[in-house]
Amino acid sequence: MTKIQILLNDAAEVVMPALHDFDVKSFSIKNETLTLFLKERDRAFSVQFIGVEQVVMGGFKEQNIILDLLLLTHTNCSAQELRLSSKRLGLKFHLDSETMHKYKNGDLIYAILYPSVGLDLQVLSKEVHIYQI
């Protein structure tokens, strides 16, 4: 596996690597790490969320396609902005003061995988890594 440097655009969307139109083939949770296995023809990626604090997920079926993966960190989205834009972003977590304190200090990343054919995933974790398989 080769670790890929993640690049975000101004909207906090992952633009490198481009993960549009990838099928989510599997996911697993082990030792506070959530791993997604993504495949599209001859390309495959593993997205790992390390130090997972909370997960909200629903609708997983085969042939789910990633539309947008957002990575909100304290450097690209303030805690106040995150709290105020919860409806616009479709946030599903209860963002209590302890969670917001961790987010504001940079200990958490809020990752949102917007649904297309059914997968809806939101993760609060300490790190996000993407590997090409």
C-alpha atoms as a PDB file:
ATOM      1  CA  MET A   1       0.000   0.000   0.000  1.00  0.00           C
ATOM      2  CA  THR A   2       1.158   3.507  -0.831  1.00  0.00           C
ATOM      3  CA  LYS A   3       0.095   6.379   1.411  1.00  0.00           C
ATOM      4  CA  ILE A   4      -1.472   9.226  -0.578  1.00  0.00           C
ATOM      5  CA  GLN A   5      -1.097  12.875   0.409  1.00  0.00           C
ATOM      6  CA  ILE A   6      -4.600  14.281   0.931  1.00  0.00           C
ATOM      7  CA  LEU A   7      -5.376  17.622  -0.706  1.00  0.00           C
ATOM      8  CA  LEU A   8      -8.534  19.579   0.072  1.00  0.00           C
ATOM      9  CA  ASN A   9     -10.260  22.341  -1.874  1.00  0.00           C
ATOM     10  CA  ASP A  10     -11.714  25.462  -0.241  1.00  0.00           C
ATOM     11  CA  ALA A  11     -14.947  23.582   0.537  1.00  0.00           C
ATOM     12  CA  ALA A  12     -12.958  20.959   2.533  1.00  0.00           C
ATOM     13  CA  GLU A  13     -13.664  18.304  -0.107  1.00  0.00           C
ATOM     14  CA  VAL A  14     -10.965  15.733  -0.765  1.00  0.00           C
ATOM     15  CA  VAL A  15      -9.743  16.458  -4.302  1.00  0.00           C
ATOM     16  CA  MET A  16      -6.587  14.344  -4.185  1.00  0.00           C
ATOM     17  CA  PRO A  17      -6.970  11.494  -4.502  1.00  0.00           C
ATOM     18  CA  ALA A  18     -10.182  11.919  -6.493  1.00  0.00           C
ATOM     19  CA  LEU A  19     -12.606   9.476  -4.868  1.00  0.00           C
ATOM     20  CA  HIS A  20     -15.649  10.177  -7.022  1.00  0.00           C
ATOM     21  CA  ASP A  21     -17.469   7.172  -8.486  1.00  0.00           C
ATOM     22  CA  PHE A  22     -15.741   4.557  -6.347  1.00  0.00           C
ATOM     23  CA  ASP A  23     -17.745   1.632  -5.026  1.00  0.00           C
ATOM     24  CA  VAL A  24     -17.505   1.057  -1.287  1.00  0.00           C
ATOM     25  CA  LYS A  25     -16.774  -2.669  -1.244  1.00  0.00           C
ATOM     26  CA  SER A  26     -16.377  -3.148   2.502  1.00  0.00           C
ATOM     27  CA  PHE A  27     -15.797  -1.479   5.809  1.00  0.00           C
ATOM     28  CA  SER A  28     -14.439  -2.702   9.109  1.00  0.00           C
ATOM     29  CA  ILE A  29     -13.993  -1.323  12.604  1.00  0.00           C
ATOM     30  CA  LYS A  30     -11.188  -2.657  14.782  1.00  0.00           C
ATOM     31  CA  ASN A  31      -9.267  -1.102  17.668  1.00  0.00           C
ATOM     32  CA  GLU A  32     -10.744   2.394  17.181  1.00  0.00           C
ATOM     33  CA  THR A  33      -9.908   2.308  13.453  1.00  0.00           C
ATOM     34  CA  LEU A  34     -12.582   2.365  10.755  1.00  0.00           C
ATOM     35  CA  THR A  35     -11.399   1.238   7.320  1.00  0.00           C
ATOM     36  CA  LEU A  36     -13.235   1.634   4.011  1.00  0.00           C
ATOM     37  CA  PHE A  37     -12.151  -0.407   0.987  1.00  0.00           C
ATOM     38  CA  LEU A  38     -12.939   1.434  -2.265  1.00  0.00           C
ATOM     39  CA  LYS A  39     -12.667   0.074  -5.799  1.00  0.00           C
ATOM     40  CA  GLU A  40     -13.220   1.451  -9.288  1.00  0.00           C
ATOM     41  CA  ARG A  41     -12.126  -0.764 -12.167  1.00  0.00           C
ATOM     42  CA  ASP A  42      -8.379  -1.264 -11.720  1.00  0.00           C
ATOM     43  CA  ARG A  43      -7.896   1.257  -8.902  1.00  0.00           C
ATOM     44  CA  ALA A  44      -8.430   0.571  -5.210  1.00  0.00           C
ATOM     45  CA  PHE A  45      -8.015   2.690  -2.081  1.00  0.00           C
ATOM     46  CA  SER A  46      -8.190   2.178   1.636  1.00  0.00           C
ATOM     47  CA  VAL A  47      -9.486   5.094   3.729  1.00  0.00           C
ATOM     48  CA  GLN A  48      -8.594   4.722   7.396  1.00  0.00           C
ATOM     49  CA  PHE A  49     -10.076   6.768  10.220  1.00  0.00           C
ATOM     50  CA  ILE A  50      -7.759   6.337  13.225  1.00  0.00           C
ATOM     51  CA  GLY A  51      -8.698   7.115  16.818  1.00  0.00           C
ATOM     52  CA  VAL A  52     -12.420   7.008  16.072  1.00  0.00           C
ATOM     53  CA  GLU A  53     -14.480   8.703  18.755  1.00  0.00           C
ATOM     54  CA  GLN A  54     -17.948   8.544  17.164  1.00  0.00           C
ATOM     55  CA  VAL A  55     -19.483   7.001  14.037  1.00  0.00           C
ATOM     56  CA  VAL A  56     -22.921   7.491  12.489  1.00  0.00           C
ATOM     57  CA  MET A  57     -23.620   5.210   9.553  1.00  0.00           C
ATOM     58  CA  GLY A  58     -26.610   3.952   7.656  1.00  0.00           C
ATOM     59  CA  GLY A  59     -27.714   2.394   4.418  1.00  0.00           C
ATOM     60  CA  PHE A  60     -24.654   0.347   3.515  1.00  0.00           C
ATOM     61  CA  LYS A  61     -25.273  -1.844   0.467  1.00  0.00           C
ATOM     62  CA  GLU A  62     -22.992  -3.073  -2.266  1.00  0.00           C
ATOM     63  CA  GLN A  63     -22.446  -0.718  -5.195  1.00  0.00           C
ATOM     64  CA  ASN A  64     -22.478   2.420  -3.091  1.00  0.00           C
ATOM     65  CA  ILE A  65     -20.665   5.237  -4.821  1.00  0.00           C
ATOM     66  CA  ILE A  66     -18.726   7.981  -3.093  1.00  0.00           C
ATOM     67  CA  LEU A  67     -19.894  11.443  -4.057  1.00  0.00           C
ATOM     68  CA  ASP A  68     -17.985  13.709  -1.688  1.00  0.00           C
ATOM     69  CA  LEU A  69     -15.723  13.135   1.259  1.00  0.00           C
ATOM     70  CA  LEU A  70     -15.378  16.234   3.431  1.00  0.00           C
ATOM     71  CA  LEU A  71     -12.673  16.538   6.072  1.00  0.00           C
ATOM     72  CA  LEU A  72     -13.483  19.364   8.461  1.00  0.00           C
ATOM     73  CA  THR A  73     -10.675  20.310  10.810  1.00  0.00           C
ATOM     74  CA  HIS A  74     -10.227  23.215  13.180  1.00  0.00           C
ATOM     75  CA  THR A  75      -8.033  24.881  10.546  1.00  0.00           C
ATOM     76  CA  ASN A  76     -10.625  24.907   7.743  1.00  0.00           C
ATOM     77  CA  CYS A  77     -13.870  25.084   9.754  1.00  0.00           C
ATOM     78  CA  SER A  78     -14.096  26.710  13.166  1.00  0.00           C
ATOM     79  CA  ALA A  79     -16.021  25.056  15.988  1.00  0.00           C
ATOM     80  CA  GLN A  80     -18.545  27.907  15.855  1.00  0.00           C
ATOM     81  CA  GLU A  81     -18.996  27.530  12.092  1.00  0.00           C
ATOM     82  CA  LEU A  82     -19.390  23.753  12.486  1.00  0.00           C
ATOM     83  CA  ARG A  83     -22.057  24.235  15.139  1.00  0.00           C
ATOM     84  CA  LEU A  84     -23.928  26.897  13.137  1.00  0.00           C
ATOM     85  CA  SER A  85     -23.836  25.047   9.823  1.00  0.00           C
ATOM     86  CA  SER A  86     -25.049  21.688  11.127  1.00  0.00           C
ATOM     87  CA  LYS A  87     -28.250  21.738   9.040  1.00  0.00           C
ATOM     88  CA  ARG A  88     -26.470  22.837   5.864  1.00  0.00           C
ATOM     89  CA  LEU A  89     -23.867  20.100   6.260  1.00  0.00           C
ATOM     90  CA  GLY A  90     -26.346  17.464   7.393  1.00  0.00           C
ATOM     91  CA  LEU A  91     -24.450  16.722  10.622  1.00  0.00           C
ATOM     92  CA  LYS A  92     -25.807  13.810  12.614  1.00  0.00           C
ATOM     93  CA  PHE A  93     -23.716  14.051  15.796  1.00  0.00           C
ATOM     94  CA  HIS A  94     -24.676  15.724  19.014  1.00  0.00           C
ATOM     95  CA  LEU A  95     -21.788  18.179  19.303  1.00  0.00           C
ATOM     96  CA  ASP A  96     -21.500  18.627  23.065  1.00  0.00           C
ATOM     97  CA  SER A  97     -19.044  20.986  24.744  1.00  0.00           C
ATOM     98  CA  GLU A  98     -16.445  18.251  25.341  1.00  0.00           C
ATOM     99  CA  THR A  99     -16.484  17.249  21.663  1.00  0.00           C
ATOM    100  CA  MET A 100     -16.314  20.874  20.521  1.00  0.00           C
ATOM    101  CA  HIS A 101     -13.371  21.523  22.855  1.00  0.00           C
ATOM    102  CA  LYS A 102     -11.441  18.603  21.298  1.00  0.00           C
ATOM    103  CA  TYR A 103     -12.352  19.770  17.785  1.00  0.00           C
ATOM    104  CA  LYS A 104     -11.299  23.356  18.486  1.00  0.00           C
ATOM    105  CA  ASN A 105      -7.901  22.216  19.775  1.00  0.00           C
ATOM    106  CA  GLY A 106      -7.291  20.094  16.700  1.00  0.00           C
ATOM    107  CA  ASP A 107      -7.676  16.686  18.330  1.00  0.00           C
ATOM    108  CA  LEU A 108     -10.590  15.672  16.093  1.00  0.00           C
ATOM    109  CA  ILE A 109     -11.406  15.628  12.377  1.00  0.00           C
ATOM    110  CA  TYR A 110     -15.044  15.567  11.289  1.00  0.00           C
ATOM    111  CA  ALA A 111     -15.345  13.421   8.154  1.00  0.00           C
ATOM    112  CA  ILE A 112     -18.561  13.271   6.126  1.00  0.00           C
ATOM    113  CA  LEU A 113     -19.144  10.882   3.250  1.00  0.00           C
ATOM    114  CA  TYR A 114     -22.225  12.160   1.477  1.00  0.00           C
ATOM    115  CA  PRO A 115     -24.587   9.401   0.311  1.00  0.00           C
ATOM    116  CA  SER A 116     -25.368   8.466  -3.236  1.00  0.00           C
ATOM    117  CA  VAL A 117     -26.792   4.971  -3.513  1.00  0.00           C
ATOM    118  CA  GLY A 118     -27.235   4.423   0.203  1.00  0.00           C
ATOM    119  CA  LEU A 119     -24.048   4.803   2.231  1.00  0.00           C
ATOM    120  CA  ASP A 120     -24.219   7.657   4.700  1.00  0.00           C
ATOM    121  CA  LEU A 121     -21.172   7.915   6.945  1.00  0.00           C
ATOM    122  CA  GLN A 122     -19.967  10.504   9.432  1.00  0.00           C
ATOM    123  CA  VAL A 123     -16.892   9.941  11.586  1.00  0.00           C
ATOM    124  CA  LEU A 124     -15.192  11.897  14.357  1.00  0.00           C
ATOM    125  CA  SER A 125     -11.592  10.715  14.517  1.00  0.00           C
ATOM    126  CA  LYS A 126      -8.101  11.890  15.328  1.00  0.00           C
ATOM    127  CA  GLU A 127      -6.539  11.062  11.937  1.00  0.00           C
ATOM    128  CA  VAL A 128      -7.561  10.213   8.369  1.00  0.00           C
ATOM    129  CA  HIS A 129      -5.188   8.362   6.013  1.00  0.00           C
ATOM    130  CA  ILE A 130      -5.740   7.281   2.420  1.00  0.00           C
ATOM    131  CA  TYR A 131      -3.715   4.475   0.836  1.00  0.00           C
ATOM    132  CA  GLN A 132      -3.644   3.266  -2.754  1.00  0.00           C
ATOM    133  CA  ILE A 133      -3.697  -0.499  -2.888  1.00  0.00           C
END
